[in-house]
Amino acid sequence: MCYSPEADLVAGLVVGAAGIDALRHVDDRRDLALAAVPLVLAAHQLIEAVGWWGLQDRVPEMAGTLAIGAYLVIAMGVVPPLVPYAVMRTERDPTRSRMMIPLVVLGAVVSVVLLFALASGPYGATIGGRYIAYETTLPWSGAIAVAYVVAVCAPLLLSTHRRLVVFGVVNVPMVIGLATLLSAGFISLWCIWAAASSLVVTRHIRGQSAKTYRDPAAATADG
């Protein structure tokens, strides 16, 4: 989610380039899911750009409506289970990996609840200044929001990869701050954070690749 279609478009291209670079440097299949996250985020941004244009009557109404629906499906159905699963898969410590399993399950439960709500109730979107205000009917919205954040953010804090842990520590206040800006109706800067997150993922994948290249046994540690 970003503050204009142009920003979404630029962010989508940047994040997509980061995702392609990450996939090119995957040397271990366990890193594949994490490397794919930036491409999902890139698609998310590019789809929202079409949603913006639909709301601005710059593309056919059907294209805008489909884009809004696709955006919500990714945000509500794909991201909650994908992120914890990707972090769990890239984890080399079996104990830490097992600790993340409940978070993957939590993300999957959140995804099912949100997708059911999306399929059951009306949804839509309006331009609310420098953001798109998505309109959905969600059960237990407060609890689901907390569960969503825990499922997506907590796995990073459990990782043994130092770079991911540092990112996880920074991620929590950033998520709170960006959500506060959006809920107050000021501006949406999620696309900028998505771009930054994707660069962190790419750097991590490159680091894993370099370790494997130098010494396969050293790939279990993170610098």
Protein backbone atom coordinates (compact mmCIF):
# COMPACT_ATOMS: atom_id res chain seq x y z
CA MET A 1 0.00 0.00 0.00
CA CYS A 2 1.45 3.35 -0.98
CA TYR A 3 0.54 7.02 -1.25
CA SER A 4 0.08 7.17 -5.05
CA PRO A 5 -0.10 4.87 -8.08
CA GLU A 6 3.24 6.18 -9.28
CA ALA A 7 4.87 5.32 -5.95
CA ASP A 8 3.30 1.84 -6.09
CA LEU A 9 4.61 1.37 -9.61
CA VAL A 10 8.17 2.44 -8.77
CA ALA A 11 8.17 0.41 -5.55
CA GLY A 12 6.86 -2.63 -7.41
CA LEU A 13 9.64 -2.43 -9.98
CA VAL A 14 12.34 -1.95 -7.33
CA VAL A 15 11.02 -4.78 -5.18
CA GLY A 16 10.62 -7.00 -8.22
CA ALA A 17 14.24 -6.41 -9.22
CA ALA A 18 15.31 -7.29 -5.68
CA GLY A 19 13.24 -10.47 -5.84
CA ILE A 20 14.75 -11.56 -9.15
CA ASP A 21 18.23 -10.94 -7.76
CA ALA A 22 17.40 -12.96 -4.64
CA LEU A 23 16.14 -15.92 -6.67
CA ARG A 24 19.25 -15.82 -8.84
CA HIS A 25 21.42 -16.27 -5.74
CA VAL A 26 19.51 -19.14 -4.12
CA ASP A 27 21.92 -22.05 -3.64
CA ASP A 28 19.83 -23.99 -1.14
CA ARG A 29 16.20 -24.90 -1.72
CA ARG A 30 15.46 -24.02 1.89
CA ASP A 31 15.99 -20.36 0.95
CA LEU A 32 13.62 -20.45 -2.02
CA ALA A 33 10.45 -19.40 -0.15
CA LEU A 34 12.17 -16.42 1.46
CA ALA A 35 13.68 -15.37 -1.86
CA ALA A 36 10.19 -15.44 -3.39
CA VAL A 37 8.74 -13.02 -0.81
CA PRO A 38 9.97 -9.87 -2.62
CA LEU A 39 8.29 -11.04 -5.84
CA VAL A 40 5.00 -11.45 -3.98
CA LEU A 41 5.40 -7.96 -2.52
CA ALA A 42 6.27 -6.59 -5.97
CA ALA A 43 3.12 -8.10 -7.47
CA HIS A 44 1.18 -6.62 -4.55
CA GLN A 45 2.44 -3.11 -5.30
CA LEU A 46 1.89 -3.35 -9.05
CA ILE A 47 -1.63 -4.69 -8.53
CA GLU A 48 -2.42 -1.79 -6.22
CA ALA A 49 -1.22 0.66 -8.87
CA VAL A 50 -3.96 -0.73 -11.14
CA GLY A 51 -6.39 -0.40 -8.23
CA TRP A 52 -5.46 3.28 -7.91
CA TRP A 53 -6.00 3.82 -11.63
CA GLY A 54 -9.38 2.09 -11.43
CA LEU A 55 -10.51 4.39 -8.63
CA GLN A 56 -9.25 7.36 -10.68
CA ASP A 57 -11.14 6.15 -13.79
CA ARG A 58 -7.87 5.74 -15.70
CA VAL A 59 -8.46 2.07 -16.53
CA PRO A 60 -11.69 0.10 -17.13
CA GLU A 61 -13.80 -0.34 -14.00
CA MET A 62 -13.53 -4.15 -14.17
CA ALA A 63 -9.72 -3.98 -14.17
CA GLY A 64 -9.74 -1.78 -11.08
CA THR A 65 -12.25 -4.00 -9.27
CA LEU A 66 -10.24 -7.15 -10.02
CA ALA A 67 -7.05 -5.42 -8.88
CA ILE A 68 -8.62 -4.43 -5.56
CA GLY A 69 -9.83 -7.99 -5.01
CA ALA A 70 -6.44 -9.46 -5.92
CA TYR A 71 -4.68 -7.01 -3.62
CA LEU A 72 -6.86 -8.05 -0.69
CA VAL A 73 -6.38 -11.76 -1.43
CA ILE A 74 -2.59 -11.36 -1.28
CA ALA A 75 -2.66 -9.19 1.85
CA MET A 76 -5.17 -11.36 3.69
CA GLY A 77 -4.56 -14.83 2.31
CA VAL A 78 -0.97 -15.09 1.10
CA VAL A 79 1.23 -12.94 3.32
CA PRO A 80 0.18 -14.28 6.79
CA PRO A 81 1.28 -17.89 6.16
CA LEU A 82 4.01 -17.19 3.59
CA VAL A 83 6.26 -14.98 5.72
CA PRO A 84 6.51 -17.27 8.78
CA TYR A 85 6.89 -20.32 6.51
CA ALA A 86 9.67 -18.63 4.53
CA VAL A 87 11.58 -17.67 7.68
CA MET A 88 11.11 -21.17 9.11
CA ARG A 89 12.40 -22.79 5.92
CA THR A 90 15.54 -20.67 5.86
CA GLU A 91 16.31 -21.48 9.50
CA ARG A 92 19.20 -23.96 9.88
CA ASP A 93 18.75 -24.66 13.59
CA PRO A 94 16.19 -27.50 13.99
CA THR A 95 15.11 -26.30 17.44
CA ARG A 96 14.43 -22.76 16.28
CA SER A 97 12.69 -24.09 13.19
CA ARG A 98 10.32 -26.17 15.34
CA MET A 99 9.62 -23.11 17.50
CA MET A 100 8.34 -21.33 14.40
CA ILE A 101 5.82 -24.03 13.47
CA PRO A 102 3.06 -22.58 15.74
CA LEU A 103 3.56 -19.21 14.03
CA VAL A 104 3.15 -20.79 10.61
CA VAL A 105 -0.05 -22.44 11.86
CA LEU A 106 -1.20 -19.11 13.30
CA GLY A 107 -0.57 -17.42 9.96
CA ALA A 108 -2.53 -20.14 8.17
CA VAL A 109 -5.47 -19.75 10.57
CA VAL A 110 -5.44 -15.97 10.10
CA SER A 111 -5.38 -16.50 6.33
CA VAL A 112 -8.39 -18.85 6.42
CA VAL A 113 -10.42 -16.49 8.63
CA LEU A 114 -9.63 -13.47 6.49
CA LEU A 115 -10.28 -15.20 3.18
CA PHE A 116 -13.60 -16.54 4.49
CA ALA A 117 -14.58 -13.02 5.57
CA LEU A 118 -13.51 -11.64 2.20
CA ALA A 119 -15.55 -14.25 0.34
CA SER A 120 -18.60 -13.85 2.60
CA GLY A 121 -18.94 -10.12 2.83
CA PRO A 122 -18.80 -7.12 0.53
CA TYR A 123 -15.49 -5.39 -0.02
CA GLY A 124 -14.37 -2.27 -1.79
CA ALA A 125 -11.97 0.63 -1.71
CA THR A 126 -11.94 4.40 -1.87
CA ILE A 127 -9.19 6.96 -2.17
CA GLY A 128 -8.63 8.49 1.26
CA GLY A 129 -6.14 11.24 0.51
CA ARG A 130 -2.65 9.76 0.16
CA TYR A 131 -3.72 6.15 0.57
CA ILE A 132 -6.39 3.68 -0.51
CA ALA A 133 -8.93 2.88 2.18
CA TYR A 134 -9.89 -0.77 1.78
CA GLU A 135 -13.33 -1.68 3.08
CA THR A 136 -13.93 -5.20 4.38
CA THR A 137 -16.08 -6.79 7.07
CA LEU A 138 -13.83 -8.68 9.49
CA PRO A 139 -14.85 -10.75 12.52
CA TRP A 140 -12.87 -10.15 15.70
CA SER A 141 -10.88 -7.50 13.86
CA GLY A 142 -8.70 -6.56 16.86
CA ALA A 143 -7.71 -10.12 17.70
CA ILE A 144 -7.11 -10.98 14.05
CA ALA A 145 -4.92 -7.90 13.61
CA VAL A 146 -2.78 -8.90 16.61
CA ALA A 147 -2.53 -12.49 15.38
CA TYR A 148 -1.54 -11.24 11.92
CA VAL A 149 1.29 -9.10 13.30
CA VAL A 150 2.54 -11.87 15.60
CA ALA A 151 2.54 -14.45 12.79
CA VAL A 152 4.43 -12.18 10.41
CA CYS A 153 6.86 -10.46 12.78
CA ALA A 154 7.72 -13.00 15.51
CA PRO A 155 9.55 -15.58 13.32
CA LEU A 156 12.24 -13.03 12.49
CA LEU A 157 12.94 -12.56 16.20
CA LEU A 158 13.40 -16.32 16.64
CA SER A 159 15.87 -16.66 13.79
CA THR A 160 19.52 -17.57 14.35
CA HIS A 161 20.49 -15.44 11.35
CA ARG A 162 21.70 -12.17 12.84
CA ARG A 163 20.66 -10.08 9.87
CA LEU A 164 17.09 -11.34 10.08
CA VAL A 165 16.96 -10.79 13.85
CA VAL A 166 18.14 -7.18 13.49
CA PHE A 167 15.57 -6.63 10.78
CA GLY A 168 12.92 -8.21 13.00
CA VAL A 169 13.77 -5.87 15.87
CA VAL A 170 13.50 -2.83 13.58
CA ASN A 171 10.40 -4.23 11.89
CA VAL A 172 8.18 -4.17 14.98
CA PRO A 173 8.30 -0.40 15.67
CA MET A 174 8.17 0.31 11.93
CA VAL A 175 4.99 -1.73 11.52
CA ILE A 176 3.41 0.03 14.50
CA GLY A 177 4.46 3.44 13.22
CA LEU A 178 3.27 2.87 9.66
CA ALA A 179 -0.03 1.43 10.88
CA THR A 180 -0.50 4.48 13.12
CA LEU A 181 0.10 6.87 10.23
CA LEU A 182 -2.40 5.01 8.09
CA SER A 183 -5.08 4.65 10.77
CA ALA A 184 -4.80 8.37 11.49
CA GLY A 185 -5.51 9.06 7.83
CA PHE A 186 -2.19 10.77 7.09
CA ILE A 187 -0.35 8.72 4.49
CA SER A 188 0.57 5.15 3.58
CA LEU A 189 4.29 4.39 3.32
CA TRP A 190 4.07 0.59 3.36
CA CYS A 191 5.54 0.37 -0.15
CA ILE A 192 8.76 2.03 1.03
CA TRP A 193 9.06 -0.46 3.88
CA ALA A 194 8.30 -3.31 1.46
CA ALA A 195 11.19 -2.14 -0.70
CA ALA A 196 13.51 -1.93 2.32
CA SER A 197 12.39 -5.37 3.50
CA SER A 198 13.05 -6.86 0.07
CA LEU A 199 16.56 -5.44 0.01
CA VAL A 200 17.21 -7.06 3.41
CA VAL A 201 15.96 -10.39 2.06
CA THR A 202 18.15 -10.10 -1.01
CA ARG A 203 21.18 -9.24 1.11
CA HIS A 204 20.49 -12.24 3.33
CA ILE A 205 20.17 -14.61 0.35
CA ARG A 206 23.37 -13.22 -1.16
CA GLY A 207 25.11 -13.75 2.18
CA GLN A 208 23.93 -17.35 2.35
CA SER A 209 25.14 -17.91 -1.21
CA ALA A 210 28.56 -16.44 -0.43
CA LYS A 211 28.94 -18.65 2.65
CA THR A 212 28.01 -21.76 0.69
CA TYR A 213 30.51 -20.80 -1.99
CA ARG A 214 33.35 -20.26 0.51
CA ASP A 215 32.57 -23.14 2.83
CA PRO A 216 29.37 -25.23 2.67
CA ALA A 217 29.70 -26.09 6.35
CA ALA A 218 29.68 -22.40 7.26
CA ALA A 219 26.27 -21.79 5.65
CA THR A 220 24.54 -22.52 8.94
CA ALA A 221 25.82 -19.26 10.43
CA ASP A 222 24.91 -15.77 9.41
CA GLY A 223 27.23 -12.78 9.27
